[in-house]
Amino acid sequence: MNKLSSQEEKELIVFIKEWLRSHGYSQKDLAEQLKIKSSRTSEIIDKLKDLHKKGGIINIAINLIRIEQHWISTKSNNNNEENNNEEYSYSEENKRQGYNQLDFNYKLDLDELMDQMEKDHKIN
């Protein structure tokens, strides 16, 4: 395979930094996924050059796609766990405080309740 030109390296660095920022990850996160010890830009570029030697820009793209898919699935799993925890927390809190007798979700419907109370007050 041909070596990456200095212009291609610069473009790859810019792309990687923007890509990381768009996903909310750091170079350290990328280094972990690439299984390299250092998160310095030079070390990441060395790893990408190695990937390029083994299969060209396609090989770099395949590896970055794999990493992105891992990050997306990890975020999705974390969001599902957070939602499950919130539902559990809400139901437990609801039982303890007895608000379930009022038949409304006091956390979500409080604004609607306040609006209705204001409307009722203006009518009378």
Protein backbone atom coordinates (compact mmCIF):
# COMPACT_ATOMS: atom_id res chain seq x y z
CA MET A 1 0.00 0.00 0.00
CA ASN A 2 1.04 3.58 -0.58
CA LYS A 3 1.97 5.66 2.42
CA LEU A 4 -0.33 8.40 3.62
CA SER A 5 0.81 11.76 2.29
CA SER A 6 1.34 14.60 4.75
CA GLN A 7 -1.81 16.27 3.37
CA GLU A 8 -3.82 13.06 3.89
CA GLU A 9 -2.45 12.80 7.44
CA LYS A 10 -3.53 16.37 8.22
CA GLU A 11 -6.99 15.75 6.78
CA LEU A 12 -7.29 12.52 8.73
CA ILE A 13 -6.33 14.28 11.97
CA VAL A 14 -8.92 17.00 11.37
CA PHE A 15 -11.54 14.38 10.54
CA ILE A 16 -10.74 12.27 13.62
CA LYS A 17 -10.91 15.27 15.97
CA GLU A 18 -14.23 16.42 14.52
CA TRP A 19 -15.57 12.86 14.54
CA LEU A 20 -14.64 12.43 18.21
CA ARG A 21 -16.22 15.77 19.11
CA SER A 22 -19.45 14.93 17.29
CA HIS A 23 -19.76 11.72 19.31
CA GLY A 24 -18.67 13.26 22.59
CA TYR A 25 -15.57 11.13 22.96
CA SER A 26 -11.91 11.97 23.50
CA GLN A 27 -8.65 10.81 22.01
CA LYS A 28 -8.24 8.67 25.10
CA ASP A 29 -11.48 6.84 24.25
CA LEU A 30 -10.27 6.32 20.69
CA ALA A 31 -6.89 5.06 21.91
CA GLU A 32 -8.64 2.50 24.11
CA GLN A 33 -10.67 1.27 21.15
CA LEU A 34 -7.59 1.12 18.95
CA LYS A 35 -5.84 -0.80 21.74
CA ILE A 36 -2.91 1.59 21.99
CA LYS A 37 -1.32 2.77 25.23
CA SER A 38 -1.05 6.48 24.51
CA SER A 39 -3.78 8.89 23.48
CA ARG A 40 -1.33 11.35 21.92
CA THR A 41 -2.18 12.40 18.38
CA SER A 42 1.15 11.07 17.09
CA GLU A 43 0.43 7.61 18.53
CA ILE A 44 -3.06 7.56 17.06
CA ILE A 45 -1.67 8.57 13.66
CA ASP A 46 0.96 5.82 13.90
CA LYS A 47 -1.81 3.28 14.52
CA LEU A 48 -3.83 4.66 11.60
CA LYS A 49 -0.72 4.47 9.38
CA ASP A 50 -0.35 0.84 10.43
CA LEU A 51 -3.98 0.18 9.53
CA HIS A 52 -3.39 1.94 6.19
CA LYS A 53 -0.40 -0.31 5.43
CA LYS A 54 -2.56 -3.38 6.06
CA GLY A 55 -5.48 -2.37 3.87
CA GLY A 56 -5.47 1.23 2.77
CA ILE A 57 -7.97 3.90 3.65
CA ILE A 58 -10.71 1.25 3.50
CA ASN A 59 -9.12 -0.53 6.45
CA ILE A 60 -9.02 2.73 8.43
CA ALA A 61 -12.68 3.36 7.59
CA ILE A 62 -13.71 -0.18 8.58
CA ASN A 63 -12.01 0.18 11.96
CA LEU A 64 -13.53 3.61 12.62
CA ILE A 65 -16.97 2.31 11.67
CA ARG A 66 -16.55 -0.61 14.07
CA ILE A 67 -15.59 1.81 16.84
CA GLU A 68 -18.51 4.10 16.06
CA GLN A 69 -20.95 1.18 16.11
CA HIS A 70 -19.56 0.12 19.49
CA TRP A 71 -19.98 3.62 20.88
CA ILE A 72 -23.52 3.94 19.55
CA SER A 73 -24.57 0.57 20.98
CA THR A 74 -22.92 1.45 24.30
CA LYS A 75 -24.79 4.77 24.49
CA SER A 76 -28.03 3.05 23.53
CA ASN A 77 -27.59 0.44 26.26
CA ASN A 78 -26.74 3.14 28.82
CA ASN A 79 -29.84 5.15 27.86
CA ASN A 80 -32.04 2.06 28.23
CA GLU A 81 -30.58 1.36 31.68
CA GLU A 82 -31.11 5.00 32.72
CA ASN A 83 -34.74 4.89 31.55
CA ASN A 84 -35.34 1.66 33.44
CA ASN A 85 -33.78 3.15 36.58
CA GLU A 86 -35.89 6.33 36.26
CA GLU A 87 -39.09 4.30 35.89
CA TYR A 88 -38.23 2.19 38.92
CA SER A 89 -37.24 5.25 40.93
CA TYR A 90 -40.45 7.05 40.01
CA SER A 91 -42.69 4.09 40.88
CA GLU A 92 -40.96 3.59 44.23
CA GLU A 93 -41.18 7.28 45.07
CA ASN A 94 -44.80 7.35 43.98
CA LYS A 95 -45.66 4.49 46.36
CA ARG A 96 -43.86 6.08 49.30
CA GLN A 97 -45.47 9.48 48.95
CA GLY A 98 -48.97 8.30 48.12
CA TYR A 99 -49.37 10.51 45.06
CA ASN A 100 -50.64 7.56 43.06
CA GLN A 101 -54.02 8.07 44.76
CA LEU A 102 -54.38 11.37 42.90
CA ASP A 103 -54.11 9.52 39.58
CA PHE A 104 -51.61 11.87 37.98
CA ASN A 105 -47.91 11.86 37.40
CA TYR A 106 -46.95 14.69 39.70
CA LYS A 107 -43.52 15.03 38.11
CA LEU A 108 -44.80 15.40 34.56
CA ASP A 109 -48.26 16.91 35.02
CA LEU A 110 -47.46 19.63 37.55
CA ASP A 111 -47.27 22.34 34.88
CA GLU A 112 -50.59 21.24 33.40
CA LEU A 113 -52.14 21.23 36.86
CA MET A 114 -50.86 24.74 37.56
CA ASP A 115 -52.21 25.97 34.19
CA GLN A 116 -55.61 24.44 34.92
CA MET A 117 -55.67 26.01 38.39
CA GLU A 118 -54.89 29.42 36.89
CA LYS A 119 -57.66 29.02 34.31
CA ASP A 120 -60.13 27.94 37.00
CA HIS A 121 -59.16 30.92 39.15
CA LYS A 122 -59.66 33.40 36.29
CA ILE A 123 -63.13 31.99 35.50
CA ASN A 124 -64.40 32.41 39.06
